[in-house]
N, C-alpha and C. Protein backbone atom coordinates (compact mmCIF):
# COMPACT_ATOMS: atom_id res chain seq x y z
N MET A 1 -185.94 -22.66 4.28
CA MET A 1 -185.77 -22.52 2.83
C MET A 1 -186.15 -23.83 2.17
N PRO A 2 -187.26 -23.85 1.44
CA PRO A 2 -187.73 -25.09 0.83
C PRO A 2 -186.71 -25.73 -0.10
N GLY A 3 -185.98 -24.88 -0.88
CA GLY A 3 -185.01 -25.44 -1.81
C GLY A 3 -183.88 -26.15 -1.09
N ALA A 4 -183.37 -25.52 -0.03
CA ALA A 4 -182.28 -26.12 0.74
C ALA A 4 -182.72 -27.40 1.41
N GLN A 5 -183.95 -27.39 1.98
CA GLN A 5 -184.46 -28.59 2.62
C GLN A 5 -184.64 -29.73 1.62
N GLY A 6 -185.06 -29.38 0.41
CA GLY A 6 -185.22 -30.42 -0.62
C GLY A 6 -183.89 -31.04 -1.00
N ARG A 7 -182.86 -30.14 -1.11
CA ARG A 7 -181.53 -30.67 -1.46
C ARG A 7 -180.99 -31.55 -0.34
N LEU A 8 -181.21 -31.13 0.92
CA LEU A 8 -180.76 -31.94 2.05
C LEU A 8 -181.48 -33.28 2.10
N GLY A 9 -182.79 -33.24 1.80
CA GLY A 9 -183.55 -34.50 1.78
C GLY A 9 -183.06 -35.43 0.70
N SER A 10 -182.76 -34.85 -0.47
CA SER A 10 -182.25 -35.67 -1.57
C SER A 10 -180.87 -36.24 -1.24
N LEU A 11 -180.00 -35.42 -0.62
CA LEU A 11 -178.67 -35.88 -0.22
C LEU A 11 -178.78 -36.99 0.83
N ASN A 12 -179.67 -36.78 1.78
CA ASN A 12 -179.90 -37.78 2.82
C ASN A 12 -180.33 -39.11 2.21
N ALA A 13 -181.24 -39.05 1.25
CA ALA A 13 -181.74 -40.27 0.61
C ALA A 13 -180.64 -40.98 -0.16
N ARG A 14 -179.81 -40.20 -0.87
CA ARG A 14 -178.73 -40.83 -1.66
C ARG A 14 -177.70 -41.49 -0.74
N ILE A 15 -177.34 -40.78 0.33
CA ILE A 15 -176.35 -41.35 1.26
C ILE A 15 -176.91 -42.61 1.92
N THR A 16 -178.17 -42.54 2.35
CA THR A 16 -178.79 -43.69 3.01
C THR A 16 -178.86 -44.89 2.07
N THR A 17 -179.27 -44.64 0.83
CA THR A 17 -179.39 -45.73 -0.15
C THR A 17 -178.03 -46.35 -0.45
N THR A 18 -177.02 -45.49 -0.69
CA THR A 18 -175.68 -46.00 -1.02
C THR A 18 -175.09 -46.78 0.15
N ALA A 19 -175.18 -46.21 1.34
CA ALA A 19 -174.64 -46.90 2.52
C ALA A 19 -175.39 -48.21 2.78
N GLY A 20 -176.70 -48.19 2.55
CA GLY A 20 -177.49 -49.41 2.75
C GLY A 20 -177.07 -50.51 1.79
N LEU A 21 -176.85 -50.14 0.52
CA LEU A 21 -176.43 -51.14 -0.47
C LEU A 21 -175.06 -51.71 -0.12
N LEU A 22 -174.14 -50.82 0.30
CA LEU A 22 -172.81 -51.29 0.68
C LEU A 22 -172.88 -52.23 1.88
N LEU A 23 -173.77 -51.89 2.82
CA LEU A 23 -173.92 -52.73 4.01
C LEU A 23 -174.47 -54.11 3.64
N VAL A 24 -175.46 -54.13 2.76
CA VAL A 24 -176.05 -55.41 2.33
C VAL A 24 -175.00 -56.25 1.61
N VAL A 25 -174.21 -55.63 0.73
CA VAL A 25 -173.17 -56.36 0.00
C VAL A 25 -172.12 -56.90 0.97
N PHE A 26 -171.70 -56.06 1.92
CA PHE A 26 -170.67 -56.48 2.87
C PHE A 26 -171.16 -57.64 3.74
N LEU A 27 -172.34 -57.49 4.33
CA LEU A 27 -172.85 -58.54 5.20
C LEU A 27 -173.18 -59.81 4.41
N GLY A 28 -173.68 -59.62 3.19
CA GLY A 28 -173.98 -60.79 2.35
C GLY A 28 -172.72 -61.58 2.01
N THR A 29 -171.65 -60.86 1.68
CA THR A 29 -170.38 -61.52 1.37
C THR A 29 -169.82 -62.22 2.61
N ALA A 30 -169.89 -61.54 3.77
CA ALA A 30 -169.42 -62.15 5.01
C ALA A 30 -170.23 -63.40 5.34
N GLY A 31 -171.55 -63.33 5.13
CA GLY A 31 -172.41 -64.49 5.40
C GLY A 31 -172.07 -65.67 4.51
N LEU A 32 -171.85 -65.42 3.23
CA LEU A 32 -171.49 -66.49 2.31
C LEU A 32 -170.14 -67.11 2.69
N ALA A 33 -169.19 -66.26 3.12
CA ALA A 33 -167.88 -66.77 3.52
C ALA A 33 -168.00 -67.66 4.76
N ILE A 34 -168.78 -67.21 5.74
CA ILE A 34 -168.97 -68.01 6.96
C ILE A 34 -169.65 -69.33 6.63
N GLU A 35 -170.67 -69.27 5.78
CA GLU A 35 -171.38 -70.49 5.39
C GLU A 35 -170.44 -71.46 4.67
N HIS A 36 -169.58 -70.94 3.80
CA HIS A 36 -168.65 -71.78 3.05
C HIS A 36 -167.65 -72.45 4.00
N VAL A 37 -167.12 -71.68 4.96
CA VAL A 37 -166.16 -72.24 5.92
C VAL A 37 -166.84 -73.32 6.76
N PHE A 38 -168.05 -73.06 7.22
CA PHE A 38 -168.76 -74.05 8.03
C PHE A 38 -169.01 -75.32 7.24
N ARG A 39 -169.42 -75.17 5.98
CA ARG A 39 -169.68 -76.35 5.14
C ARG A 39 -168.41 -77.18 4.96
N ASP A 40 -167.29 -76.50 4.67
CA ASP A 40 -166.03 -77.21 4.46
C ASP A 40 -165.55 -77.89 5.74
N THR A 41 -165.69 -77.19 6.87
CA THR A 41 -165.26 -77.75 8.15
C THR A 41 -166.09 -78.97 8.53
N THR A 42 -167.40 -78.88 8.33
CA THR A 42 -168.29 -79.99 8.65
C THR A 42 -168.00 -81.20 7.75
N GLN A 43 -167.75 -80.93 6.47
CA GLN A 43 -167.46 -82.03 5.55
C GLN A 43 -166.11 -82.67 5.87
N ALA A 44 -165.13 -81.86 6.25
CA ALA A 44 -163.83 -82.41 6.62
C ALA A 44 -163.94 -83.29 7.86
N SER A 45 -164.76 -82.86 8.82
CA SER A 45 -164.98 -83.67 10.02
C SER A 45 -165.66 -84.99 9.67
N LEU A 46 -166.59 -84.94 8.74
CA LEU A 46 -167.27 -86.16 8.29
C LEU A 46 -166.29 -87.10 7.60
N GLN A 47 -165.41 -86.57 6.78
CA GLN A 47 -164.41 -87.40 6.11
C GLN A 47 -163.51 -88.09 7.13
N ASP A 48 -163.11 -87.36 8.17
CA ASP A 48 -162.27 -87.96 9.22
C ASP A 48 -163.01 -89.10 9.92
N ALA A 49 -164.31 -88.91 10.16
CA ALA A 49 -165.10 -89.95 10.82
C ALA A 49 -165.20 -91.19 9.93
N LEU A 50 -165.37 -91.00 8.63
CA LEU A 50 -165.45 -92.13 7.71
C LEU A 50 -164.11 -92.87 7.62
N LYS A 51 -163.01 -92.12 7.64
CA LYS A 51 -161.69 -92.76 7.63
C LYS A 51 -161.49 -93.59 8.90
N SER A 52 -161.90 -93.04 10.03
CA SER A 52 -161.77 -93.78 11.30
C SER A 52 -162.58 -95.07 11.26
N ARG A 53 -163.76 -95.02 10.64
CA ARG A 53 -164.60 -96.21 10.54
C ARG A 53 -163.91 -97.27 9.66
N ILE A 54 -163.25 -96.83 8.59
CA ILE A 54 -162.54 -97.76 7.71
C ILE A 54 -161.39 -98.42 8.47
N PHE A 55 -160.62 -97.63 9.21
CA PHE A 55 -159.51 -98.20 9.98
C PHE A 55 -160.02 -99.17 11.04
N MET A 56 -161.17 -98.86 11.64
CA MET A 56 -161.76 -99.77 12.62
C MET A 56 -162.11 -101.10 11.97
N LEU A 57 -162.70 -101.03 10.77
CA LEU A 57 -163.06 -102.26 10.05
C LEU A 57 -161.81 -103.07 9.70
N LEU A 58 -160.77 -102.40 9.23
CA LEU A 58 -159.54 -103.11 8.86
C LEU A 58 -158.87 -103.76 10.06
N SER A 59 -158.93 -103.08 11.21
CA SER A 59 -158.30 -103.65 12.40
C SER A 59 -159.05 -104.88 12.91
N ALA A 60 -160.34 -104.97 12.58
CA ALA A 60 -161.14 -106.10 13.06
C ALA A 60 -161.33 -107.18 12.01
N ALA A 61 -161.06 -106.86 10.75
CA ALA A 61 -161.41 -107.78 9.65
C ALA A 61 -160.42 -108.93 9.54
N ASP A 62 -160.96 -110.03 9.06
CA ASP A 62 -160.14 -111.18 8.68
C ASP A 62 -160.54 -111.51 7.25
N LEU A 63 -159.83 -110.92 6.29
CA LEU A 63 -160.21 -111.07 4.89
C LEU A 63 -159.90 -112.45 4.35
N ASP A 64 -159.34 -113.33 5.19
CA ASP A 64 -159.19 -114.73 4.80
C ASP A 64 -160.42 -115.53 5.19
N GLY A 65 -161.31 -114.89 5.96
CA GLY A 65 -162.48 -115.59 6.48
C GLY A 65 -163.51 -115.86 5.40
N PRO A 66 -164.49 -116.69 5.71
CA PRO A 66 -165.51 -117.05 4.71
C PRO A 66 -166.59 -115.98 4.58
N GLY A 67 -166.71 -115.42 3.40
CA GLY A 67 -167.81 -114.54 3.04
C GLY A 67 -168.22 -113.54 4.09
N THR A 68 -169.47 -113.62 4.56
CA THR A 68 -170.07 -112.61 5.42
C THR A 68 -169.45 -112.57 6.80
N ARG A 69 -168.57 -113.52 7.15
CA ARG A 69 -167.96 -113.52 8.48
C ARG A 69 -166.57 -112.90 8.49
N MET A 70 -166.28 -112.10 7.48
CA MET A 70 -164.97 -111.45 7.42
C MET A 70 -164.78 -110.43 8.53
N VAL A 71 -165.87 -109.86 9.03
CA VAL A 71 -165.80 -108.87 10.09
C VAL A 71 -166.61 -109.38 11.28
N PRO A 72 -166.04 -109.39 12.48
CA PRO A 72 -166.76 -109.93 13.64
C PRO A 72 -167.97 -109.09 14.03
N GLU A 73 -168.80 -109.68 14.88
CA GLU A 73 -170.02 -109.02 15.31
C GLU A 73 -169.78 -108.06 16.48
N SER A 74 -168.54 -107.88 16.89
CA SER A 74 -168.25 -107.09 18.09
C SER A 74 -167.68 -105.72 17.77
N LEU A 75 -168.06 -105.14 16.64
CA LEU A 75 -167.55 -103.82 16.28
C LEU A 75 -168.05 -102.77 17.26
N GLN A 76 -167.18 -101.80 17.57
CA GLN A 76 -167.56 -100.72 18.48
C GLN A 76 -168.25 -99.60 17.70
N GLU A 77 -169.25 -99.94 16.97
CA GLU A 77 -169.99 -98.98 16.15
C GLU A 77 -171.43 -99.46 16.08
N PRO A 78 -172.24 -99.20 17.12
CA PRO A 78 -173.61 -99.73 17.18
C PRO A 78 -174.46 -99.38 15.95
N SER A 79 -174.20 -98.22 15.36
CA SER A 79 -175.03 -97.79 14.23
C SER A 79 -174.91 -98.73 13.03
N LEU A 80 -173.80 -99.47 12.94
CA LEU A 80 -173.64 -100.40 11.83
C LEU A 80 -174.50 -101.65 11.97
N TYR A 81 -175.10 -101.82 13.14
CA TYR A 81 -175.97 -102.98 13.37
C TYR A 81 -177.45 -102.62 13.26
N VAL A 82 -177.76 -101.33 13.11
CA VAL A 82 -179.16 -100.88 13.08
C VAL A 82 -179.57 -100.63 11.64
N PRO A 83 -180.54 -101.38 11.11
CA PRO A 83 -180.97 -101.19 9.73
C PRO A 83 -181.41 -99.75 9.45
N ASP A 84 -180.99 -99.24 8.32
CA ASP A 84 -181.37 -97.90 7.87
C ASP A 84 -180.95 -96.82 8.87
N SER A 85 -179.78 -96.99 9.49
CA SER A 85 -179.31 -96.03 10.49
C SER A 85 -178.69 -94.78 9.86
N GLY A 86 -178.41 -94.85 8.57
CA GLY A 86 -177.73 -93.73 7.91
C GLY A 86 -176.22 -93.87 7.91
N GLN A 87 -175.70 -94.93 8.57
CA GLN A 87 -174.27 -95.20 8.58
C GLN A 87 -174.05 -96.63 8.09
N TYR A 88 -173.25 -96.77 7.05
CA TYR A 88 -173.14 -98.06 6.37
C TYR A 88 -171.67 -98.38 6.08
N ALA A 89 -171.40 -99.66 5.85
CA ALA A 89 -170.05 -100.09 5.48
C ALA A 89 -170.14 -101.38 4.69
N GLN A 90 -169.20 -101.55 3.76
CA GLN A 90 -169.14 -102.79 2.99
C GLN A 90 -167.74 -102.97 2.42
N ILE A 91 -167.46 -104.21 2.03
CA ILE A 91 -166.15 -104.54 1.46
C ILE A 91 -166.36 -105.22 0.11
N PHE A 92 -165.63 -104.73 -0.89
CA PHE A 92 -165.69 -105.30 -2.24
C PHE A 92 -164.38 -106.02 -2.54
N ASN A 93 -164.47 -107.09 -3.34
CA ASN A 93 -163.24 -107.71 -3.82
C ASN A 93 -162.84 -107.06 -5.14
N GLU A 94 -161.77 -107.57 -5.74
CA GLU A 94 -161.25 -106.93 -6.96
C GLU A 94 -162.18 -107.11 -8.15
N SER A 95 -163.21 -107.97 -8.01
CA SER A 95 -164.19 -108.14 -9.08
C SER A 95 -165.45 -107.31 -8.84
N ASP A 96 -165.39 -106.40 -7.86
CA ASP A 96 -166.51 -105.53 -7.48
C ASP A 96 -167.67 -106.29 -6.84
N ALA A 97 -167.42 -107.51 -6.40
CA ALA A 97 -168.46 -108.27 -5.70
C ALA A 97 -168.39 -107.93 -4.21
N VAL A 98 -169.55 -107.78 -3.58
CA VAL A 98 -169.61 -107.49 -2.15
C VAL A 98 -169.30 -108.77 -1.38
N VAL A 99 -168.26 -108.72 -0.52
CA VAL A 99 -167.90 -109.89 0.27
C VAL A 99 -168.31 -109.73 1.73
N TRP A 100 -168.64 -108.49 2.12
CA TRP A 100 -169.17 -108.24 3.47
C TRP A 100 -169.90 -106.92 3.45
N ARG A 101 -170.98 -106.85 4.23
CA ARG A 101 -171.66 -105.56 4.40
C ARG A 101 -172.26 -105.50 5.81
N SER A 102 -172.40 -104.31 6.32
CA SER A 102 -172.92 -104.13 7.68
C SER A 102 -174.41 -104.43 7.72
N ARG A 103 -174.89 -104.78 8.90
CA ARG A 103 -176.31 -105.08 9.06
C ARG A 103 -177.18 -103.86 8.79
N SER A 104 -176.62 -102.68 8.95
CA SER A 104 -177.40 -101.47 8.69
C SER A 104 -177.81 -101.36 7.23
N MET A 105 -177.20 -102.17 6.35
CA MET A 105 -177.53 -102.14 4.92
C MET A 105 -178.56 -103.20 4.56
N LEU A 106 -179.27 -103.71 5.54
CA LEU A 106 -180.29 -104.73 5.26
C LEU A 106 -181.32 -104.18 4.28
N GLY A 107 -181.45 -104.84 3.13
CA GLY A 107 -182.39 -104.41 2.11
C GLY A 107 -181.94 -103.17 1.36
N LEU A 108 -180.67 -102.81 1.51
CA LEU A 108 -180.15 -101.58 0.91
C LEU A 108 -178.92 -101.89 0.07
N GLY A 109 -178.75 -101.19 -1.01
CA GLY A 109 -177.57 -101.37 -1.85
C GLY A 109 -176.90 -100.04 -2.14
N VAL A 110 -175.58 -100.06 -2.27
CA VAL A 110 -174.81 -98.88 -2.65
C VAL A 110 -173.85 -99.30 -3.76
N GLU A 111 -173.78 -98.52 -4.80
CA GLU A 111 -172.92 -98.87 -5.94
C GLU A 111 -171.47 -98.99 -5.50
N SER A 112 -170.74 -99.87 -6.16
CA SER A 112 -169.32 -100.01 -5.88
C SER A 112 -168.60 -98.73 -6.30
N PRO A 113 -167.59 -98.33 -5.55
CA PRO A 113 -166.89 -97.09 -5.86
C PRO A 113 -165.91 -97.27 -7.00
N ALA A 114 -165.44 -96.14 -7.53
CA ALA A 114 -164.30 -96.20 -8.44
C ALA A 114 -163.13 -96.77 -7.65
N HIS A 115 -162.30 -97.57 -8.28
CA HIS A 115 -161.25 -98.28 -7.54
C HIS A 115 -160.13 -97.33 -7.12
N PRO A 116 -160.01 -97.06 -5.81
CA PRO A 116 -158.85 -96.27 -5.36
C PRO A 116 -157.60 -97.14 -5.38
N ASP A 117 -156.45 -96.51 -5.54
CA ASP A 117 -155.19 -97.25 -5.48
C ASP A 117 -154.99 -97.79 -4.07
N VAL A 118 -154.16 -98.80 -3.97
CA VAL A 118 -153.86 -99.39 -2.66
C VAL A 118 -153.25 -98.31 -1.76
N GLY A 119 -153.82 -98.18 -0.56
CA GLY A 119 -153.34 -97.18 0.38
C GLY A 119 -153.88 -95.79 0.15
N GLN A 120 -154.82 -95.65 -0.80
CA GLN A 120 -155.37 -94.35 -1.11
C GLN A 120 -156.85 -94.28 -0.72
N PHE A 121 -157.27 -93.08 -0.27
CA PHE A 121 -158.67 -92.82 0.06
C PHE A 121 -159.35 -92.13 -1.13
N LEU A 122 -160.62 -92.43 -1.30
CA LEU A 122 -161.42 -91.79 -2.33
C LEU A 122 -162.74 -91.34 -1.71
N PHE A 123 -162.99 -90.03 -1.73
CA PHE A 123 -164.23 -89.47 -1.17
C PHE A 123 -165.14 -89.07 -2.32
N GLU A 124 -166.39 -89.47 -2.24
CA GLU A 124 -167.34 -89.16 -3.31
C GLU A 124 -168.76 -89.13 -2.77
N GLN A 125 -169.65 -88.54 -3.56
CA GLN A 125 -171.07 -88.54 -3.24
C GLN A 125 -171.74 -89.65 -4.04
N SER A 126 -172.69 -90.31 -3.41
CA SER A 126 -173.36 -91.43 -4.04
C SER A 126 -174.81 -91.47 -3.61
N GLU A 127 -175.50 -92.52 -4.02
CA GLU A 127 -176.89 -92.73 -3.62
C GLU A 127 -177.10 -94.20 -3.33
N SER A 128 -177.98 -94.47 -2.37
CA SER A 128 -178.34 -95.86 -2.09
C SER A 128 -179.38 -96.31 -3.11
N SER A 129 -179.70 -97.59 -3.05
CA SER A 129 -180.71 -98.13 -3.97
C SER A 129 -182.10 -97.55 -3.72
N THR A 130 -182.29 -96.92 -2.54
CA THR A 130 -183.58 -96.29 -2.24
C THR A 130 -183.57 -94.80 -2.54
N GLY A 131 -182.47 -94.31 -3.10
CA GLY A 131 -182.38 -92.89 -3.44
C GLY A 131 -181.85 -92.00 -2.33
N GLU A 132 -181.40 -92.61 -1.21
CA GLU A 132 -180.86 -91.82 -0.10
C GLU A 132 -179.51 -91.25 -0.49
N PRO A 133 -179.33 -89.91 -0.41
CA PRO A 133 -178.03 -89.32 -0.77
C PRO A 133 -176.98 -89.65 0.27
N LEU A 134 -175.78 -90.01 -0.18
CA LEU A 134 -174.74 -90.48 0.72
C LEU A 134 -173.41 -89.78 0.45
N PHE A 135 -172.61 -89.66 1.51
CA PHE A 135 -171.19 -89.38 1.38
C PHE A 135 -170.47 -90.71 1.61
N CYS A 136 -169.54 -91.07 0.73
CA CYS A 136 -168.84 -92.35 0.84
C CYS A 136 -167.33 -92.14 0.78
N MET A 137 -166.64 -92.85 1.64
CA MET A 137 -165.17 -92.88 1.63
C MET A 137 -164.74 -94.32 1.36
N SER A 138 -163.86 -94.49 0.37
CA SER A 138 -163.38 -95.83 0.01
C SER A 138 -161.87 -95.88 0.16
N TYR A 139 -161.38 -97.07 0.46
CA TYR A 139 -159.95 -97.25 0.69
C TYR A 139 -159.50 -98.55 0.06
N GLY A 140 -158.43 -98.48 -0.74
CA GLY A 140 -157.90 -99.66 -1.39
C GLY A 140 -156.87 -100.36 -0.53
N VAL A 141 -156.97 -101.69 -0.46
CA VAL A 141 -156.05 -102.46 0.38
C VAL A 141 -155.69 -103.76 -0.31
N GLU A 142 -154.46 -104.20 -0.07
CA GLU A 142 -154.00 -105.50 -0.57
C GLU A 142 -153.83 -106.44 0.62
N TRP A 143 -154.35 -107.66 0.46
CA TRP A 143 -154.34 -108.61 1.57
C TRP A 143 -153.57 -109.86 1.14
N GLU A 144 -152.45 -110.09 1.83
CA GLU A 144 -151.63 -111.26 1.50
C GLU A 144 -152.08 -112.45 2.34
N THR A 145 -152.27 -113.58 1.69
CA THR A 145 -152.71 -114.79 2.37
C THR A 145 -151.68 -115.89 2.14
N GLU A 146 -151.34 -116.57 3.22
CA GLU A 146 -150.37 -117.65 3.11
C GLU A 146 -150.90 -118.74 2.19
N GLY A 147 -150.06 -119.18 1.28
CA GLY A 147 -150.45 -120.24 0.35
C GLY A 147 -151.06 -119.71 -0.94
N GLN A 148 -151.34 -118.42 -1.01
CA GLN A 148 -151.89 -117.81 -2.23
C GLN A 148 -150.75 -117.27 -3.08
N PRO A 149 -150.84 -117.42 -4.41
CA PRO A 149 -149.74 -116.97 -5.27
C PRO A 149 -149.57 -115.46 -5.30
N ARG A 150 -150.63 -114.73 -5.03
CA ARG A 150 -150.53 -113.27 -5.05
C ARG A 150 -151.50 -112.66 -4.03
N ALA A 151 -151.21 -111.42 -3.70
CA ALA A 151 -152.08 -110.71 -2.74
C ALA A 151 -153.41 -110.37 -3.42
N ARG A 152 -154.45 -110.41 -2.63
CA ARG A 152 -155.77 -110.06 -3.15
C ARG A 152 -156.10 -108.61 -2.80
N ARG A 153 -156.78 -107.96 -3.71
CA ARG A 153 -157.13 -106.55 -3.50
C ARG A 153 -158.58 -106.42 -3.07
N TYR A 154 -158.80 -105.50 -2.16
CA TYR A 154 -160.15 -105.21 -1.68
C TYR A 154 -160.35 -103.70 -1.61
N VAL A 155 -161.60 -103.31 -1.61
CA VAL A 155 -161.96 -101.91 -1.37
C VAL A 155 -162.91 -101.88 -0.18
N VAL A 156 -162.51 -101.15 0.87
CA VAL A 156 -163.35 -101.00 2.05
C VAL A 156 -164.06 -99.65 1.91
N GLN A 157 -165.37 -99.68 2.03
CA GLN A 157 -166.17 -98.47 1.83
C GLN A 157 -167.02 -98.18 3.07
N ALA A 158 -167.00 -96.93 3.53
CA ALA A 158 -167.85 -96.47 4.63
C ALA A 158 -168.68 -95.30 4.12
N CYS A 159 -169.97 -95.33 4.39
CA CYS A 159 -170.88 -94.30 3.89
C CYS A 159 -171.72 -93.72 5.02
N GLU A 160 -172.14 -92.50 4.83
CA GLU A 160 -173.04 -91.86 5.79
C GLU A 160 -174.04 -91.01 5.02
N THR A 161 -175.27 -90.98 5.52
CA THR A 161 -176.30 -90.21 4.84
C THR A 161 -175.93 -88.73 4.77
N ARG A 162 -176.30 -88.09 3.67
CA ARG A 162 -176.06 -86.66 3.52
C ARG A 162 -177.15 -85.84 4.20
N LEU A 163 -178.22 -86.48 4.65
CA LEU A 163 -179.34 -85.76 5.23
C LEU A 163 -178.93 -85.00 6.49
N ARG A 164 -178.11 -85.63 7.35
CA ARG A 164 -177.67 -84.96 8.57
C ARG A 164 -176.81 -83.74 8.24
N PHE A 165 -175.91 -83.92 7.27
CA PHE A 165 -175.06 -82.81 6.83
C PHE A 165 -175.91 -81.66 6.31
N ASN A 166 -176.90 -81.98 5.48
CA ASN A 166 -177.78 -80.94 4.93
C ASN A 166 -178.57 -80.24 6.03
N GLU A 167 -178.99 -81.00 7.04
CA GLU A 167 -179.73 -80.40 8.16
C GLU A 167 -178.85 -79.43 8.94
N GLN A 168 -177.59 -79.82 9.18
CA GLN A 168 -176.67 -78.94 9.91
C GLN A 168 -176.43 -77.64 9.14
N VAL A 169 -176.17 -77.77 7.83
CA VAL A 169 -175.94 -76.58 7.01
C VAL A 169 -177.21 -75.73 6.95
N GLY A 170 -178.36 -76.38 6.84
CA GLY A 170 -179.62 -75.64 6.78
C GLY A 170 -179.89 -74.85 8.05
N ARG A 171 -179.61 -75.47 9.22
CA ARG A 171 -179.81 -74.75 10.49
C ARG A 171 -178.90 -73.54 10.56
N LEU A 172 -177.63 -73.70 10.14
CA LEU A 172 -176.71 -72.57 10.15
C LEU A 172 -177.21 -71.46 9.23
N GLN A 173 -177.67 -71.83 8.03
CA GLN A 173 -178.14 -70.83 7.09
C GLN A 173 -179.30 -70.03 7.66
N ARG A 174 -180.26 -70.72 8.28
CA ARG A 174 -181.41 -70.02 8.83
C ARG A 174 -181.01 -69.07 9.95
N ARG A 175 -180.15 -69.54 10.86
CA ARG A 175 -179.71 -68.68 11.96
C ARG A 175 -178.86 -67.51 11.46
N LEU A 176 -177.94 -67.84 10.56
CA LEU A 176 -177.01 -66.83 10.06
C LEU A 176 -177.75 -65.70 9.36
N TRP A 177 -178.63 -66.06 8.42
CA TRP A 177 -179.31 -65.03 7.64
C TRP A 177 -180.38 -64.31 8.45
N SER A 178 -180.93 -64.96 9.46
CA SER A 178 -181.87 -64.27 10.36
C SER A 178 -181.14 -63.18 11.14
N TRP A 179 -179.97 -63.52 11.69
CA TRP A 179 -179.19 -62.55 12.44
C TRP A 179 -178.67 -61.44 11.53
N PHE A 180 -178.21 -61.79 10.35
CA PHE A 180 -177.71 -60.77 9.44
C PHE A 180 -178.83 -59.86 8.96
N GLY A 181 -180.02 -60.40 8.75
CA GLY A 181 -181.16 -59.58 8.36
C GLY A 181 -181.53 -58.60 9.47
N PHE A 182 -181.55 -59.10 10.72
CA PHE A 182 -181.85 -58.22 11.85
C PHE A 182 -180.78 -57.15 12.00
N LEU A 183 -179.50 -57.56 11.87
CA LEU A 183 -178.40 -56.61 12.01
C LEU A 183 -178.45 -55.54 10.92
N THR A 184 -178.75 -55.95 9.69
CA THR A 184 -178.84 -55.00 8.58
C THR A 184 -179.94 -53.98 8.83
N ALA A 185 -181.11 -54.46 9.24
CA ALA A 185 -182.23 -53.55 9.51
C ALA A 185 -181.89 -52.57 10.63
N LEU A 186 -181.23 -53.08 11.69
CA LEU A 186 -180.89 -52.23 12.83
C LEU A 186 -179.88 -51.16 12.43
N VAL A 187 -178.84 -51.55 11.69
CA VAL A 187 -177.81 -50.59 11.28
C VAL A 187 -178.40 -49.54 10.35
N LEU A 188 -179.26 -49.96 9.42
CA LEU A 188 -179.88 -49.00 8.51
C LEU A 188 -180.76 -48.00 9.27
N LEU A 189 -181.46 -48.50 10.27
CA LEU A 189 -182.32 -47.61 11.07
C LEU A 189 -181.48 -46.59 11.82
N VAL A 190 -180.41 -47.05 12.48
CA VAL A 190 -179.53 -46.14 13.21
C VAL A 190 -178.85 -45.16 12.27
N GLN A 191 -178.43 -45.66 11.12
CA GLN A 191 -177.76 -44.82 10.14
C GLN A 191 -178.68 -43.72 9.64
N THR A 192 -179.92 -44.05 9.37
CA THR A 192 -180.90 -43.07 8.88
C THR A 192 -181.12 -41.99 9.93
N PHE A 193 -181.23 -42.40 11.19
CA PHE A 193 -181.43 -41.43 12.27
C PHE A 193 -180.23 -40.49 12.38
N ILE A 194 -179.00 -41.04 12.33
CA ILE A 194 -177.80 -40.22 12.46
C ILE A 194 -177.67 -39.25 11.30
N LEU A 195 -177.98 -39.70 10.08
CA LEU A 195 -177.88 -38.81 8.92
C LEU A 195 -178.88 -37.68 9.00
N ARG A 196 -180.08 -38.00 9.38
CA ARG A 196 -181.10 -36.96 9.51
C ARG A 196 -180.71 -35.94 10.58
N TRP A 197 -180.16 -36.43 11.67
CA TRP A 197 -179.74 -35.53 12.73
C TRP A 197 -178.52 -34.71 12.31
N GLY A 198 -177.56 -35.37 11.64
CA GLY A 198 -176.35 -34.66 11.25
C GLY A 198 -176.57 -33.67 10.14
N LEU A 199 -177.53 -33.89 9.24
CA LEU A 199 -177.77 -32.99 8.11
C LEU A 199 -178.87 -31.98 8.39
N ARG A 200 -179.36 -31.99 9.62
CA ARG A 200 -180.43 -31.04 9.96
C ARG A 200 -179.86 -29.63 9.90
N PRO A 201 -180.58 -28.68 9.24
CA PRO A 201 -180.08 -27.30 9.14
C PRO A 201 -179.85 -26.68 10.51
């Protein structure tokens, strides 16, 4: 019966289209949620690494020392000795003047951060003088020196390039959406076959 077959074909098309749209919306939402969780988790891990670097600097620093020798050359962080390594550190005094910076910042500058309170961390995005995008963690500290009338304030800052973070997120996005695209196409194909078989007169 041509009329019945036409109605079944039209019903099949409507069901397939509706189910396909729902599948795309569902998988798209799930993909965005996974991407968001991965981005947040990766950024949180990066923040922890920057905090650890700041504590390492504070444990080794002698802020009573002269200028560039405030931090010894024996830090357990090889990347801070390699110019343009993507991992940087510096210390500012209360006048925003740099009193120490890592060798990795040779020929490189990073703006002083907004002043965090003593004992507080401040995480922000910044840029180097060459335009390199950075994640920076800053920590406010007070340093008491014998013979000084008052404690001196410093800001210890650790930075890392955002390029690695962007590469990690980019790799996840490509893999995630490739798999979701393949899965969507496969499910739609199977669904179309089942509908055609189930609605066959």
